[in-house]
């Protein structure tokens, strides 16, 4: 599974099952109400693999951003001397 995730991230090509979600509707309040747009909550259930990939990408972005900020701070300090 890990190899598959790394391959997808490196190639930036994700299979359809990772990009697609399933729409589920939940009824607000009591269950005997008719399903109308006013009393339904739509939820999209995503692939577990997609959630893992999104989290990995988010962490990678955070790491790179903090590294860039650290380098900018270091260069600012060096320019003051």
Protein backbone atom coordinates (compact mmCIF):
# COMPACT_ATOMS: atom_id res chain seq x y z
CA UNK A 1 0.00 0.00 0.00
CA UNK A 2 2.80 2.45 0.85
CA UNK A 3 4.48 1.90 -2.52
CA UNK A 4 1.19 2.65 -4.26
CA UNK A 5 0.83 5.95 -2.40
CA UNK A 6 4.41 7.00 -3.16
CA UNK A 7 3.97 6.14 -6.84
CA UNK A 8 0.73 8.15 -7.05
CA UNK A 9 2.31 11.16 -5.33
CA UNK A 10 5.41 11.06 -7.52
CA UNK A 11 3.46 10.69 -10.75
CA UNK A 12 0.64 13.02 -9.67
CA UNK A 13 -1.78 10.58 -11.26
CA UNK A 14 -4.54 9.16 -9.13
CA UNK A 15 -6.88 6.32 -10.10
CA UNK A 16 -10.60 7.08 -10.40
CA UNK A 17 -11.49 5.24 -7.20
CA UNK A 18 -9.30 7.65 -5.22
CA UNK A 19 -10.81 10.77 -6.81
CA UNK A 20 -14.45 9.73 -6.53
CA UNK A 21 -16.73 9.93 -3.52
CA UNK A 22 -20.10 8.49 -2.59
CA UNK A 23 -22.97 10.83 -1.71
CA UNK A 24 -24.92 9.88 1.40
CA UNK A 25 -27.87 11.86 2.73
CA UNK A 26 -28.77 12.07 6.41
CA UNK A 27 -32.17 13.31 7.54
CA UNK A 28 -32.20 16.10 10.14
CA UNK A 29 -34.32 15.56 13.23
CA UNK A 30 -36.82 12.71 13.51
CA UNK A 31 -36.73 9.88 11.01
CA UNK A 32 -40.42 10.13 10.06
CA UNK A 33 -39.93 13.41 8.14
CA UNK A 34 -40.06 13.43 4.37
CA UNK A 35 -36.66 13.92 2.71
CA UNK A 36 -36.63 17.44 1.28
CA UNK A 37 -33.73 19.82 0.70
CA UNK A 38 -34.60 21.63 3.94
CA UNK A 39 -34.19 18.63 6.22
CA UNK A 40 -31.38 16.64 4.56
CA UNK A 41 -27.64 16.85 5.24
CA UNK A 42 -25.52 15.72 2.26
CA UNK A 43 -22.21 14.02 3.10
CA UNK A 44 -19.62 12.78 0.63
CA UNK A 45 -17.75 9.66 1.76
CA UNK A 46 -14.24 9.63 0.30
CA UNK A 47 -11.80 6.80 -0.19
CA UNK A 48 -9.60 6.08 2.84
CA UNK A 49 -6.62 6.14 0.50
CA UNK A 50 -7.51 9.67 -0.61
CA UNK A 51 -7.61 10.83 3.00
CA UNK A 52 -4.15 9.38 3.62
CA UNK A 53 -2.76 11.03 0.48
CA UNK A 54 -4.31 14.40 1.35
CA UNK A 55 -2.81 14.24 4.84
CA UNK A 56 0.62 13.34 3.44
CA UNK A 57 0.47 16.24 0.97
CA UNK A 58 -0.67 18.63 3.70
CA UNK A 59 2.22 17.56 5.96
CA UNK A 60 4.70 17.94 3.11
CA UNK A 61 3.46 21.46 2.39
CA UNK A 62 3.68 22.41 6.08
CA UNK A 63 7.23 21.05 6.29
CA UNK A 64 8.39 22.90 3.16
CA UNK A 65 6.70 26.13 4.30
CA UNK A 66 8.37 26.00 7.72
CA UNK A 67 11.72 25.28 6.04
CA UNK A 68 11.32 28.26 3.70
CA UNK A 69 10.40 30.52 6.62
CA UNK A 70 13.42 29.29 8.55
CA UNK A 71 15.72 29.99 5.58
CA UNK A 72 14.20 33.47 5.13
CA UNK A 73 14.71 34.20 8.83
CA UNK A 74 18.32 33.01 8.68
CA UNK A 75 19.07 35.17 5.62
CA UNK A 76 17.50 38.20 7.33
CA UNK A 77 19.72 37.69 10.35
CA UNK A 78 22.82 37.30 8.17
CA UNK A 79 22.01 40.46 6.22
CA UNK A 80 21.88 42.48 9.45
CA UNK A 81 25.57 41.77 10.13
